[in-house]
C-alpha atoms as a PDB file:
ATOM      1  CA  MET A   1      -0.376  -4.215 -25.571  1.00  0.00           C
ATOM      2  CA  LEU A   2      -3.559  -5.496 -27.159  1.00  0.00           C
ATOM      3  CA  ASP A   3      -5.744  -3.417 -29.401  1.00  0.00           C
ATOM      4  CA  TRP A   4      -9.028  -4.498 -27.876  1.00  0.00           C
ATOM      5  CA  ARG A   5     -11.021  -3.139 -30.804  1.00  0.00           C
ATOM      6  CA  THR A   6      -9.557  -5.814 -33.113  1.00  0.00           C
ATOM      7  CA  GLN A   7      -9.818  -8.833 -30.804  1.00  0.00           C
ATOM      8  CA  ARG A   8     -12.014 -11.873 -31.407  1.00  0.00           C
ATOM      9  CA  VAL A   9     -12.673 -13.328 -27.964  1.00  0.00           C
ATOM     10  CA  LEU A  10     -13.864 -16.789 -27.000  1.00  0.00           C
ATOM     11  CA  LEU A  11     -15.035 -16.310 -23.422  1.00  0.00           C
ATOM     12  CA  THR A  12     -15.731 -19.707 -21.890  1.00  0.00           C
ATOM     13  CA  GLY A  13     -17.899 -19.604 -18.813  1.00  0.00           C
ATOM     14  CA  GLY A  14     -19.062 -16.249 -20.082  1.00  0.00           C
ATOM     15  CA  HIS A  15     -22.396 -16.463 -18.265  1.00  0.00           C
ATOM     16  CA  GLY A  16     -20.839 -17.396 -14.922  1.00  0.00           C
ATOM     17  CA  PHE A  17     -19.954 -15.049 -12.095  1.00  0.00           C
ATOM     18  CA  LEU A  18     -16.460 -14.114 -13.281  1.00  0.00           C
ATOM     19  CA  GLY A  19     -17.375 -14.527 -16.944  1.00  0.00           C
ATOM     20  CA  ARG A  20     -20.119 -11.896 -16.789  1.00  0.00           C
ATOM     21  CA  ALA A  21     -17.755  -9.418 -15.163  1.00  0.00           C
ATOM     22  CA  VAL A  22     -15.057 -10.130 -17.770  1.00  0.00           C
ATOM     23  CA  HIS A  23     -17.643  -9.712 -20.528  1.00  0.00           C
ATOM     24  CA  ALA A  24     -18.633  -6.293 -19.214  1.00  0.00           C
ATOM     25  CA  ARG A  25     -14.962  -5.290 -18.954  1.00  0.00           C
ATOM     26  CA  LEU A  26     -14.299  -6.457 -22.536  1.00  0.00           C
ATOM     27  CA  LEU A  27     -17.125  -4.277 -23.837  1.00  0.00           C
ATOM     28  CA  ALA A  28     -15.866  -1.320 -21.822  1.00  0.00           C
ATOM     29  CA  SER A  29     -12.373  -1.866 -23.283  1.00  0.00           C
ATOM     30  CA  GLY A  30     -13.667  -1.562 -26.843  1.00  0.00           C
ATOM     31  CA  VAL A  31     -14.269  -5.148 -27.957  1.00  0.00           C
ATOM     32  CA  PRO A  32     -17.414  -5.191 -30.120  1.00  0.00           C
ATOM     33  CA  GLU A  33     -20.206  -7.414 -28.829  1.00  0.00           C
ATOM     34  CA  SER A  34     -20.198  -9.187 -32.197  1.00  0.00           C
ATOM     35  CA  ALA A  35     -16.562 -10.184 -31.626  1.00  0.00           C
ATOM     36  CA  ILE A  36     -17.256 -11.941 -28.298  1.00  0.00           C
ATOM     37  CA  VAL A  37     -18.490 -15.518 -28.288  1.00  0.00           C
ATOM     38  CA  ARG A  38     -19.899 -16.934 -25.073  1.00  0.00           C
ATOM     39  CA  PHE A  39     -22.421 -19.662 -24.434  1.00  0.00           C
ATOM     40  CA  ARG A  40     -23.954 -21.732 -21.676  1.00  0.00           C
ATOM     41  CA  SER A  41     -22.872 -25.301 -20.956  1.00  0.00           C
ATOM     42  CA  ALA A  42     -26.265 -26.535 -22.141  1.00  0.00           C
ATOM     43  CA  GLU A  43     -25.441 -25.069 -25.570  1.00  0.00           C
ATOM     44  CA  ARG A  44     -21.881 -26.428 -25.782  1.00  0.00           C
ATOM     45  CA  ASP A  45     -20.299 -28.795 -23.285  1.00  0.00           C
ATOM     46  CA  LEU A  46     -16.565 -28.141 -23.399  1.00  0.00           C
ATOM     47  CA  ARG A  47     -15.881 -31.406 -21.574  1.00  0.00           C
ATOM     48  CA  ASP A  48     -16.707 -33.073 -24.916  1.00  0.00           C
ATOM     49  CA  PRO A  49     -13.871 -32.700 -27.479  1.00  0.00           C
ATOM     50  CA  ALA A  50     -16.294 -32.471 -30.406  1.00  0.00           C
ATOM     51  CA  GLN A  51     -18.279 -29.670 -28.779  1.00  0.00           C
ATOM     52  CA  ALA A  52     -15.073 -27.886 -27.788  1.00  0.00           C
ATOM     53  CA  ALA A  53     -13.956 -28.077 -31.425  1.00  0.00           C
ATOM     54  CA  SER A  54     -17.265 -26.577 -32.516  1.00  0.00           C
ATOM     55  CA  ALA A  55     -16.905 -23.762 -29.983  1.00  0.00           C
ATOM     56  CA  VAL A  56     -13.448 -22.879 -31.255  1.00  0.00           C
ATOM     57  CA  ARG A  57     -13.987 -23.318 -34.993  1.00  0.00           C
ATOM     58  CA  SER A  58     -17.500 -22.129 -35.762  1.00  0.00           C
ATOM     59  CA  PRO A  59     -17.462 -18.429 -34.787  1.00  0.00           C
ATOM     60  CA  TRP A  60     -16.321 -15.553 -37.005  1.00  0.00           C
ATOM     61  CA  GLY A  61     -16.657 -17.496 -40.230  1.00  0.00           C
ATOM     62  CA  GLY A  62     -13.982 -19.990 -39.204  1.00  0.00           C
ATOM     63  CA  ALA A  63     -11.335 -17.345 -38.568  1.00  0.00           C
ATOM     64  CA  GLY A  64     -10.967 -18.447 -34.968  1.00  0.00           C
ATOM     65  CA  PRO A  65     -10.380 -16.429 -31.810  1.00  0.00           C
ATOM     66  CA  THR A  66      -7.369 -14.234 -31.196  1.00  0.00           C
ATOM     67  CA  LEU A  67      -7.984 -14.511 -27.447  1.00  0.00           C
ATOM     68  CA  VAL A  68      -9.428 -17.321 -25.345  1.00  0.00           C
ATOM     69  CA  ILE A  69     -10.316 -16.443 -21.743  1.00  0.00           C
ATOM     70  CA  ASN A  70     -11.131 -19.656 -19.915  1.00  0.00           C
ATOM     71  CA  CYS A  71     -13.498 -18.858 -17.051  1.00  0.00           C
ATOM     72  CA  ALA A  72     -15.466 -22.094 -17.393  1.00  0.00           C
ATOM     73  CA  GLY A  73     -15.610 -24.774 -14.754  1.00  0.00           C
ATOM     74  CA  PHE A  74     -17.452 -26.263 -11.822  1.00  0.00           C
ATOM     75  CA  VAL A  75     -17.071 -23.980  -8.808  1.00  0.00           C
ATOM     76  CA  GLY A  76     -18.096 -23.906  -5.181  1.00  0.00           C
ATOM     77  CA  GLY A  77     -16.959 -23.693  -1.596  1.00  0.00           C
ATOM     78  CA  LEU A  78     -15.590 -26.212   0.873  1.00  0.00           C
ATOM     79  CA  GLY A  79     -18.834 -28.157   1.153  1.00  0.00           C
ATOM     80  CA  ALA A  80     -19.035 -28.613  -2.621  1.00  0.00           C
ATOM     81  CA  ASN A  81     -15.381 -29.710  -2.794  1.00  0.00           C
ATOM     82  CA  ARG A  82     -16.059 -32.356  -0.171  1.00  0.00           C
ATOM     83  CA  LYS A  83     -19.170 -33.623  -1.949  1.00  0.00           C
ATOM     84  CA  TRP A  84     -18.060 -33.640  -5.595  1.00  0.00           C
ATOM     85  CA  PRO A  85     -14.236 -33.969  -5.779  1.00  0.00           C
ATOM     86  CA  SER A  86     -14.260 -36.031  -8.983  1.00  0.00           C
ATOM     87  CA  ARG A  87     -16.405 -33.476 -10.790  1.00  0.00           C
ATOM     88  CA  PHE A  88     -14.105 -30.638  -9.716  1.00  0.00           C
ATOM     89  CA  PHE A  89     -11.119 -32.561 -11.062  1.00  0.00           C
ATOM     90  CA  PHE A  90     -12.611 -33.791 -14.330  1.00  0.00           C
ATOM     91  CA  ASP A  91     -14.427 -30.614 -15.355  1.00  0.00           C
ATOM     92  CA  THR A  92     -11.387 -28.436 -14.685  1.00  0.00           C
ATOM     93  CA  MET A  93      -9.021 -30.620 -16.682  1.00  0.00           C
ATOM     94  CA  ALA A  94     -11.337 -31.507 -19.552  1.00  0.00           C
ATOM     95  CA  ILE A  95     -12.523 -27.978 -20.287  1.00  0.00           C
ATOM     96  CA  ALA A  96      -9.046 -26.474 -20.353  1.00  0.00           C
ATOM     97  CA  MET A  97      -7.440 -29.323 -22.309  1.00  0.00           C
ATOM     98  CA  HIS A  98     -10.101 -29.624 -24.967  1.00  0.00           C
ATOM     99  CA  THR A  99     -10.428 -25.887 -25.540  1.00  0.00           C
ATOM    100  CA  LEU A 100      -6.688 -25.408 -25.977  1.00  0.00           C
ATOM    101  CA  GLU A 101      -6.020 -28.589 -27.949  1.00  0.00           C
ATOM    102  CA  GLU A 102      -8.875 -27.924 -30.353  1.00  0.00           C
ATOM    103  CA  SER A 103      -7.483 -24.422 -30.878  1.00  0.00           C
ATOM    104  CA  ARG A 104      -4.154 -26.025 -31.803  1.00  0.00           C
ATOM    105  CA  ARG A 105      -5.752 -28.591 -34.112  1.00  0.00           C
ATOM    106  CA  ALA A 106      -7.607 -25.826 -35.909  1.00  0.00           C
ATOM    107  CA  GLY A 107      -4.300 -24.046 -36.539  1.00  0.00           C
ATOM    108  CA  PHE A 108      -5.183 -20.987 -34.483  1.00  0.00           C
ATOM    109  CA  ILE A 109      -2.078 -20.922 -32.255  1.00  0.00           C
ATOM    110  CA  SER A 110       0.040 -18.150 -33.736  1.00  0.00           C
ATOM    111  CA  PRO A 111       1.779 -14.950 -32.605  1.00  0.00           C
ATOM    112  CA  ALA A 112      -1.641 -13.260 -32.704  1.00  0.00           C
ATOM    113  CA  PHE A 113      -3.288 -15.850 -30.423  1.00  0.00           C
ATOM    114  CA  LYS A 114      -3.326 -15.891 -26.609  1.00  0.00           C
ATOM    115  CA  PHE A 115      -4.905 -18.168 -24.009  1.00  0.00           C
ATOM    116  CA  ILE A 116      -5.828 -16.835 -20.552  1.00  0.00           C
ATOM    117  CA  GLN A 117      -6.344 -19.448 -17.842  1.00  0.00           C
ATOM    118  CA  ILE A 118      -7.915 -18.807 -14.446  1.00  0.00           C
ATOM    119  CA  GLY A 119      -6.187 -20.642 -11.599  1.00  0.00           C
ATOM    120  CA  THR A 120      -7.101 -21.040  -7.935  1.00  0.00           C
ATOM    121  CA  MET A 121      -5.491 -20.428  -4.575  1.00  0.00           C
ATOM    122  CA  CYS A 122      -6.537 -24.008  -3.747  1.00  0.00           C
ATOM    123  CA  SER A 123      -3.437 -25.089  -5.715  1.00  0.00           C
ATOM    124  CA  TYR A 124      -1.037 -23.830  -3.071  1.00  0.00           C
ATOM    125  CA  PRO A 125       0.621 -26.432  -0.820  1.00  0.00           C
ATOM    126  CA  ALA A 126      -1.123 -26.886   2.508  1.00  0.00           C
ATOM    127  CA  ASP A 127       2.080 -25.977   4.349  1.00  0.00           C
ATOM    128  CA  ALA A 128       3.130 -23.053   2.134  1.00  0.00           C
ATOM    129  CA  PRO A 129       4.127 -19.851   3.958  1.00  0.00           C
ATOM    130  CA  ILE A 130       1.376 -17.243   4.368  1.00  0.00           C
ATOM    131  CA  PRO A 131       0.688 -15.083   2.422  1.00  0.00           C
ATOM    132  CA  TYR A 132       1.017 -17.432  -0.551  1.00  0.00           C
ATOM    133  CA  ARG A 133       3.644 -16.400  -3.069  1.00  0.00           C
ATOM    134  CA  GLU A 134       3.677 -17.806  -6.570  1.00  0.00           C
ATOM    135  CA  SER A 135       7.098 -19.391  -5.972  1.00  0.00           C
ATOM    136  CA  SER A 136       5.449 -21.871  -3.558  1.00  0.00           C
ATOM    137  CA  LEU A 137       3.450 -23.602  -6.310  1.00  0.00           C
ATOM    138  CA  PHE A 138       4.500 -27.198  -7.099  1.00  0.00           C
ATOM    139  CA  ARG A 139       6.397 -27.414  -3.788  1.00  0.00           C
ATOM    140  CA  GLY A 140       3.858 -29.604  -2.002  1.00  0.00           C
ATOM    141  CA  LEU A 141       0.318 -30.955  -2.079  1.00  0.00           C
ATOM    142  CA  PRO A 142      -2.754 -28.800  -1.469  1.00  0.00           C
ATOM    143  CA  ASP A 143      -4.974 -29.380   1.528  1.00  0.00           C
ATOM    144  CA  ALA A 144      -6.636 -32.780   1.129  1.00  0.00           C
ATOM    145  CA  GLU A 145     -10.190 -31.396   1.148  1.00  0.00           C
ATOM    146  CA  ILE A 146      -9.568 -29.183  -1.886  1.00  0.00           C
ATOM    147  CA  ALA A 147      -6.786 -31.164  -3.559  1.00  0.00           C
ATOM    148  CA  SER A 148      -8.850 -32.452  -6.504  1.00  0.00           C
ATOM    149  CA  TYR A 149      -9.647 -28.932  -7.663  1.00  0.00           C
ATOM    150  CA  GLY A 150      -6.268 -27.479  -6.716  1.00  0.00           C
ATOM    151  CA  VAL A 151      -4.180 -30.135  -8.481  1.00  0.00           C
ATOM    152  CA  ALA A 152      -6.353 -29.980 -11.607  1.00  0.00           C
ATOM    153  CA  LYS A 153      -5.913 -26.205 -11.854  1.00  0.00           C
ATOM    154  CA  LEU A 154      -2.177 -26.595 -11.262  1.00  0.00           C
ATOM    155  CA  ALA A 155      -2.033 -29.046 -14.153  1.00  0.00           C
ATOM    156  CA  THR A 156      -3.525 -26.395 -16.449  1.00  0.00           C
ATOM    157  CA  LEU A 157      -0.564 -24.151 -15.603  1.00  0.00           C
ATOM    158  CA  GLN A 158       1.833 -26.883 -16.688  1.00  0.00           C
ATOM    159  CA  MET A 159      -0.288 -27.399 -19.795  1.00  0.00           C
ATOM    160  CA  LEU A 160       0.240 -23.779 -20.849  1.00  0.00           C
ATOM    161  CA  GLU A 161       3.986 -24.147 -20.374  1.00  0.00           C
ATOM    162  CA  ALA A 162       4.040 -27.362 -22.421  1.00  0.00           C
ATOM    163  CA  TYR A 163       2.205 -25.681 -25.294  1.00  0.00           C
ATOM    164  CA  ARG A 164       4.541 -22.700 -25.063  1.00  0.00           C
ATOM    165  CA  LEU A 165       7.591 -24.938 -25.404  1.00  0.00           C
ATOM    166  CA  GLU A 166       6.231 -27.064 -28.242  1.00  0.00           C
ATOM    167  CA  HIS A 167       3.884 -24.747 -30.116  1.00  0.00           C
ATOM    168  CA  GLY A 168       4.927 -21.205 -29.175  1.00  0.00           C
ATOM    169  CA  LEU A 169       1.699 -20.517 -27.291  1.00  0.00           C
ATOM    170  CA  ARG A 170       1.334 -17.068 -25.726  1.00  0.00           C
ATOM    171  CA  SER A 171      -0.634 -17.237 -22.509  1.00  0.00           C
ATOM    172  CA  ALA A 172      -1.285 -15.831 -19.050  1.00  0.00           C
ATOM    173  CA  TYR A 173      -2.282 -17.516 -15.794  1.00  0.00           C
ATOM    174  CA  VAL A 174      -3.943 -15.611 -12.981  1.00  0.00           C
ATOM    175  CA  ILE A 175      -4.807 -16.885  -9.498  1.00  0.00           C
ATOM    176  CA  PRO A 176      -7.654 -14.898  -7.954  1.00  0.00           C
ATOM    177  CA  THR A 177      -8.558 -15.220  -4.324  1.00  0.00           C
ATOM    178  CA  GLY A 178     -12.208 -15.781  -3.308  1.00  0.00           C
ATOM    179  CA  PHE A 179     -14.692 -13.813  -5.421  1.00  0.00           C
ATOM    180  CA  PHE A 180     -17.596 -11.834  -4.055  1.00  0.00           C
ATOM    181  CA  GLY A 181     -19.978  -9.193  -5.333  1.00  0.00           C
ATOM    182  CA  PRO A 182     -23.361  -8.648  -6.989  1.00  0.00           C
ATOM    183  CA  GLY A 183     -24.350 -11.540  -9.228  1.00  0.00           C
ATOM    184  CA  ASP A 184     -22.694 -14.197  -7.080  1.00  0.00           C
ATOM    185  CA  ASN A 185     -24.128 -17.680  -6.819  1.00  0.00           C
ATOM    186  CA  MET A 186     -26.056 -17.774  -3.550  1.00  0.00           C
ATOM    187  CA  ASP A 187     -27.016 -21.458  -3.647  1.00  0.00           C
ATOM    188  CA  PRO A 188     -26.047 -22.882  -0.239  1.00  0.00           C
ATOM    189  CA  ALA A 189     -24.957 -26.162  -1.872  1.00  0.00           C
ATOM    190  CA  ASN A 190     -22.034 -24.700  -3.821  1.00  0.00           C
ATOM    191  CA  SER A 191     -21.698 -20.977  -3.120  1.00  0.00           C
ATOM    192  CA  HIS A 192     -18.558 -19.090  -2.151  1.00  0.00           C
ATOM    193  CA  VAL A 193     -18.261 -18.272   1.534  1.00  0.00           C
ATOM    194  CA  ALA A 194     -18.909 -14.534   1.220  1.00  0.00           C
ATOM    195  CA  GLY A 195     -22.002 -15.078  -0.918  1.00  0.00           C
ATOM    196  CA  ALA A 196     -23.271 -17.769   1.438  1.00  0.00           C
ATOM    197  CA  LEU A 197     -22.969 -15.429   4.413  1.00  0.00           C
ATOM    198  CA  VAL A 198     -24.729 -12.576   2.618  1.00  0.00           C
ATOM    199  CA  ARG A 199     -27.649 -14.855   1.790  1.00  0.00           C
ATOM    200  CA  LYS A 200     -27.869 -16.222   5.331  1.00  0.00           C
ATOM    201  CA  TYR A 201     -27.892 -12.854   7.046  1.00  0.00           C
ATOM    202  CA  VAL A 202     -30.148 -11.072   4.560  1.00  0.00           C
ATOM    203  CA  GLU A 203     -32.740 -13.825   4.851  1.00  0.00           C
ATOM    204  CA  ALA A 204     -32.390 -14.145   8.634  1.00  0.00           C
ATOM    205  CA  SER A 205     -32.806 -10.390   9.000  1.00  0.00           C
ATOM    206  CA  SER A 206     -35.884 -10.424   6.783  1.00  0.00           C
ATOM    207  CA  ARG A 207     -37.496 -13.227   8.796  1.00  0.00           C
ATOM    208  CA  GLY A 208     -36.430 -11.897  12.176  1.00  0.00           C
ATOM    209  CA  ASP A 209     -34.591 -15.120  13.065  1.00  0.00           C
ATOM    210  CA  ALA A 210     -33.150 -15.343  16.556  1.00  0.00           C
ATOM    211  CA  GLU A 211     -29.902 -16.923  15.355  1.00  0.00           C
ATOM    212  CA  VAL A 212     -27.777 -17.729  12.345  1.00  0.00           C
ATOM    213  CA  VAL A 213     -25.736 -20.945  12.398  1.00  0.00           C
ATOM    214  CA  ASN A 214     -22.423 -20.948  10.506  1.00  0.00           C
ATOM    215  CA  TRP A 215     -20.092 -23.863   9.832  1.00  0.00           C
ATOM    216  CA  GLY A 216     -16.886 -24.280  11.819  1.00  0.00           C
ATOM    217  CA  SER A 217     -15.334 -22.106  14.477  1.00  0.00           C
ATOM    218  CA  GLY A 218     -14.993 -18.909  12.445  1.00  0.00           C
ATOM    219  CA  ALA A 219     -11.271 -18.828  13.209  1.00  0.00           C
ATOM    220  CA  PRO A 220      -9.833 -19.542   9.719  1.00  0.00           C
ATOM    221  CA  THR A 221      -8.726 -16.524   7.710  1.00  0.00           C
ATOM    222  CA  ARG A 222      -9.221 -15.845   4.023  1.00  0.00           C
ATOM    223  CA  ASP A 223      -8.951 -12.926   1.631  1.00  0.00           C
ATOM    224  CA  PHE A 224     -11.474 -11.889  -0.971  1.00  0.00           C
ATOM    225  CA  ILE A 225     -11.515  -9.925  -4.196  1.00  0.00           C
ATOM    226  CA  TYR A 226     -14.455  -7.932  -5.526  1.00  0.00           C
ATOM    227  CA  ILE A 227     -15.604  -9.436  -8.797  1.00  0.00           C
ATOM    228  CA  ASP A 228     -15.063  -6.302 -10.920  1.00  0.00           C
ATOM    229  CA  ASP A 229     -11.499  -6.001  -9.619  1.00  0.00           C
ATOM    230  CA  ALA A 230     -10.869  -9.640 -10.541  1.00  0.00           C
ATOM    231  CA  ALA A 231     -12.144  -9.060 -14.082  1.00  0.00           C
ATOM    232  CA  ARG A 232      -9.907  -6.011 -14.442  1.00  0.00           C
ATOM    233  CA  GLY A 233      -6.929  -8.120 -13.340  1.00  0.00           C
ATOM    234  CA  VAL A 234      -7.738 -10.759 -15.949  1.00  0.00           C
ATOM    235  CA  LEU A 235      -7.722  -8.198 -18.761  1.00  0.00           C
ATOM    236  CA  LEU A 236      -4.513  -6.593 -17.497  1.00  0.00           C
ATOM    237  CA  ALA A 237      -2.860 -10.019 -17.677  1.00  0.00           C
ATOM    238  CA  ALA A 238      -4.139 -10.469 -21.222  1.00  0.00           C
ATOM    239  CA  GLU A 239      -2.638  -7.101 -22.166  1.00  0.00           C
ATOM    240  CA  ARG A 240       0.730  -7.346 -20.449  1.00  0.00           C
ATOM    241  CA  VAL A 241       1.801 -10.978 -20.081  1.00  0.00           C
ATOM    242  CA  ASP A 242       2.777 -13.508 -22.755  1.00  0.00           C
ATOM    243  CA  THR A 243       4.086 -16.428 -20.682  1.00  0.00           C
ATOM    244  CA  PRO A 244       2.325 -18.585 -18.075  1.00  0.00           C
ATOM    245  CA  THR A 245       3.985 -17.107 -15.049  1.00  0.00           C
ATOM    246  CA  PRO A 246       1.399 -17.446 -12.265  1.00  0.00           C
ATOM    247  CA  ILE A 247       0.095 -14.123 -10.940  1.00  0.00           C
ATOM    248  CA  ASN A 248      -1.982 -13.734  -7.773  1.00  0.00           C
ATOM    249  CA  LEU A 249      -4.971 -11.389  -7.771  1.00  0.00           C
ATOM    250  CA  THR A 250      -5.905 -10.416  -4.231  1.00  0.00           C
ATOM    251  CA  GLY A 251      -8.118  -7.984  -2.395  1.00  0.00           C
ATOM    252  CA  GLY A 252      -5.200  -7.380  -0.041  1.00  0.00           C
ATOM    253  CA  VAL A 253      -6.984  -7.943   3.299  1.00  0.00           C
ATOM    254  CA  GLU A 254      -6.783 -11.128   5.372  1.00  0.00           C
ATOM    255  CA  VAL A 255      -9.932 -11.516   7.476  1.00  0.00           C
ATOM    256  CA  SER A 256     -11.250 -14.289   9.726  1.00  0.00           C
ATOM    257  CA  ILE A 257     -14.543 -15.935   8.802  1.00  0.00           C
ATOM    258  CA  HIS A 258     -15.784 -14.813  12.227  1.00  0.00           C
ATOM    259  CA  ASP A 259     -15.042 -11.165  11.435  1.00  0.00           C
ATOM    260  CA  LEU A 260     -16.422 -11.525   7.913  1.00  0.00           C
ATOM    261  CA  ALA A 261     -19.695 -12.849   9.337  1.00  0.00           C
ATOM    262  CA  ALA A 262     -19.812 -10.003  11.856  1.00  0.00           C
ATOM    263  CA  LEU A 263     -19.334  -7.465   9.065  1.00  0.00           C
ATOM    264  CA  VAL A 264     -22.063  -9.029   6.922  1.00  0.00           C
ATOM    265  CA  SER A 265     -24.350  -9.180   9.977  1.00  0.00           C
ATOM    266  CA  ARG A 266     -23.834  -5.457  10.606  1.00  0.00           C
ATOM    267  CA  LEU A 267     -24.349  -4.498   6.959  1.00  0.00           C
ATOM    268  CA  THR A 268     -27.646  -6.403   6.812  1.00  0.00           C
ATOM    269  CA  GLY A 269     -28.892  -4.922  10.082  1.00  0.00           C
ATOM    270  CA  TYR A 270     -29.328  -8.391  11.574  1.00  0.00           C
ATOM    271  CA  ARG A 271     -30.220  -8.232  15.288  1.00  0.00           C
ATOM    272  CA  GLY A 272     -29.993 -11.902  16.293  1.00  0.00           C
ATOM    273  CA  ARG A 273     -26.994 -13.908  17.428  1.00  0.00           C
ATOM    274  CA  THR A 274     -24.470 -15.933  15.460  1.00  0.00           C
ATOM    275  CA  VAL A 275     -23.797 -19.556  16.450  1.00  0.00           C
ATOM    276  CA  TRP A 276     -20.756 -21.492  15.231  1.00  0.00           C
ATOM    277  CA  ASP A 277     -21.241 -25.219  14.563  1.00  0.00           C
ATOM    278  CA  THR A 278     -17.816 -26.572  15.493  1.00  0.00           C
ATOM    279  CA  THR A 279     -18.813 -30.120  14.531  1.00  0.00           C
ATOM    280  CA  LYS A 280     -18.186 -28.981  10.943  1.00  0.00           C
ATOM    281  CA  GLY A 281     -14.581 -28.708   9.816  1.00  0.00           C
ATOM    282  CA  ASP A 282     -12.796 -25.423   9.299  1.00  0.00           C
ATOM    283  CA  GLY A 283     -10.573 -26.324   6.365  1.00  0.00           C
ATOM    284  CA  GLN A 284      -7.165 -24.679   6.213  1.00  0.00           C
ATOM    285  CA  PRO A 285      -6.428 -22.304   9.141  1.00  0.00           C
ATOM    286  CA  ARG A 286      -5.172 -19.503   6.881  1.00  0.00           C
ATOM    287  CA  ARG A 287      -5.334 -18.729   3.170  1.00  0.00           C
ATOM    288  CA  CYS A 288      -4.404 -15.422   1.611  1.00  0.00           C
ATOM    289  CA  LEU A 289      -2.350 -14.272  -1.350  1.00  0.00           C
ATOM    290  CA  ASP A 290       0.647 -12.010  -1.795  1.00  0.00           C
ATOM    291  CA  GLY A 291      -0.111  -9.388  -4.449  1.00  0.00           C
ATOM    292  CA  THR A 292       3.423  -8.146  -5.126  1.00  0.00           C
ATOM    293  CA  LYS A 293       3.765  -9.791  -8.524  1.00  0.00           C
ATOM    294  CA  ALA A 294       0.463  -8.371  -9.773  1.00  0.00           C
ATOM    295  CA  ARG A 295       1.572  -4.887  -8.753  1.00  0.00           C
ATOM    296  CA  GLU A 296       4.941  -5.294 -10.484  1.00  0.00           C
ATOM    297  CA  LEU A 297       3.805  -6.974 -13.720  1.00  0.00           C
ATOM    298  CA  LEU A 298       0.285  -5.620 -14.139  1.00  0.00           C
ATOM    299  CA  GLY A 299       0.166  -2.439 -12.069  1.00  0.00           C
ATOM    300  CA  PHE A 300      -2.818  -4.041 -10.353  1.00  0.00           C
ATOM    301  CA  GLU A 301      -4.322  -2.788  -7.099  1.00  0.00           C
ATOM    302  CA  PRO A 302      -7.834  -3.606  -5.837  1.00  0.00           C
ATOM    303  CA  ALA A 303     -10.188  -0.651  -6.207  1.00  0.00           C
ATOM    304  CA  THR A 304     -13.074  -1.837  -4.010  1.00  0.00           C
ATOM    305  CA  SER A 305     -12.759  -2.418  -0.271  1.00  0.00           C
ATOM    306  CA  LEU A 306     -14.190  -5.492   1.394  1.00  0.00           C
ATOM    307  CA  GLU A 307     -16.815  -3.468   3.261  1.00  0.00           C
ATOM    308  CA  GLU A 308     -17.938  -1.469   0.231  1.00  0.00           C
ATOM    309  CA  GLY A 309     -18.097  -4.583  -1.918  1.00  0.00           C
ATOM    310  CA  LEU A 310     -20.121  -6.460   0.684  1.00  0.00           C
ATOM    311  CA  LYS A 311     -22.511  -3.526   1.017  1.00  0.00           C
ATOM    312  CA  ARG A 312     -23.109  -3.590  -2.733  1.00  0.00           C
ATOM    313  CA  THR A 313     -23.636  -7.356  -2.573  1.00  0.00           C
ATOM    314  CA  VAL A 314     -26.148  -7.075   0.273  1.00  0.00           C
ATOM    315  CA  ASP A 315     -28.066  -4.363  -1.588  1.00  0.00           C
ATOM    316  CA  TRP A 316     -28.057  -6.432  -4.785  1.00  0.00           C
ATOM    317  CA  TYR A 317     -29.267  -9.620  -3.089  1.00  0.00           C
ATOM    318  CA  ARG A 318     -32.020  -7.773  -1.287  1.00  0.00           C
ATOM    319  CA  GLY A 319     -33.113  -6.371  -4.633  1.00  0.00           C
ATOM    320  CA  THR A 320     -33.316  -9.863  -6.161  1.00  0.00           C
ATOM    321  CA  ARG A 321     -35.766 -10.916  -3.459  1.00  0.00           C
ATOM    322  CA  GLY A 322     -38.226  -8.128  -4.272  1.00  0.00           C
END
């Protein structure tokens, strides 16, 4: 078990959606603000080895972090994966590799040091049994439309194992399902599906639009995890796991995109109709995670239901629009 009060935490991606939630959870767990280092990519670009070295070495008078939580990366939904596959691959690999390798070069890998890597359900083989269990990883290729991101994240899991074998690295690797909640990125170009739907229906309701057009048929199923639950799962992994055994973090409910849209429509009070543009692809027919391992190793259960979390997200987004 970690004594959070004594940790020095390098939180990469600390101003992103997950990073902000992890930051709040770290403070609530007793980590002093002065012991948490986070920055924006404009301040330090972790894709550059020299800037990654600066990020690792400069804080705390050169003492180095005791905990690295790697939340950094280029993120987005299916449309973004189709448009920028090379960026998804390169950013994911470069950030993780440079941050960990520069920690090693600085001599910080020790029994007191731990590296937490965030994975993705996009790494699961396209034909893996549903719900995805961690044992299915490496047993096939991900769906072609998300393979660049999925394979890159999978490589970071192998990276942690390699550093464990050669350098004694302590680490944890968590695989959250789709995030949602207040503070999400609502940009239609690269938002998560739940956030994209909240934006569409809130704005359509405000304007009194007659219809909302969504991509695909609505038939595919996904599961989602409220952002604060995901952050809690990340810290539980940091506390209780020392080896890079992959651990799913799930909201526990498989829902079709059609039903998700209907729920968001109801929560926003939208009175128009929903149209499905079937000329756009659906992606994988089903994606959801098995949460057994998280319950067994972390004692993790989601605390926020899909409906309650979406209601909070709708209220938050409405508030941002004045």
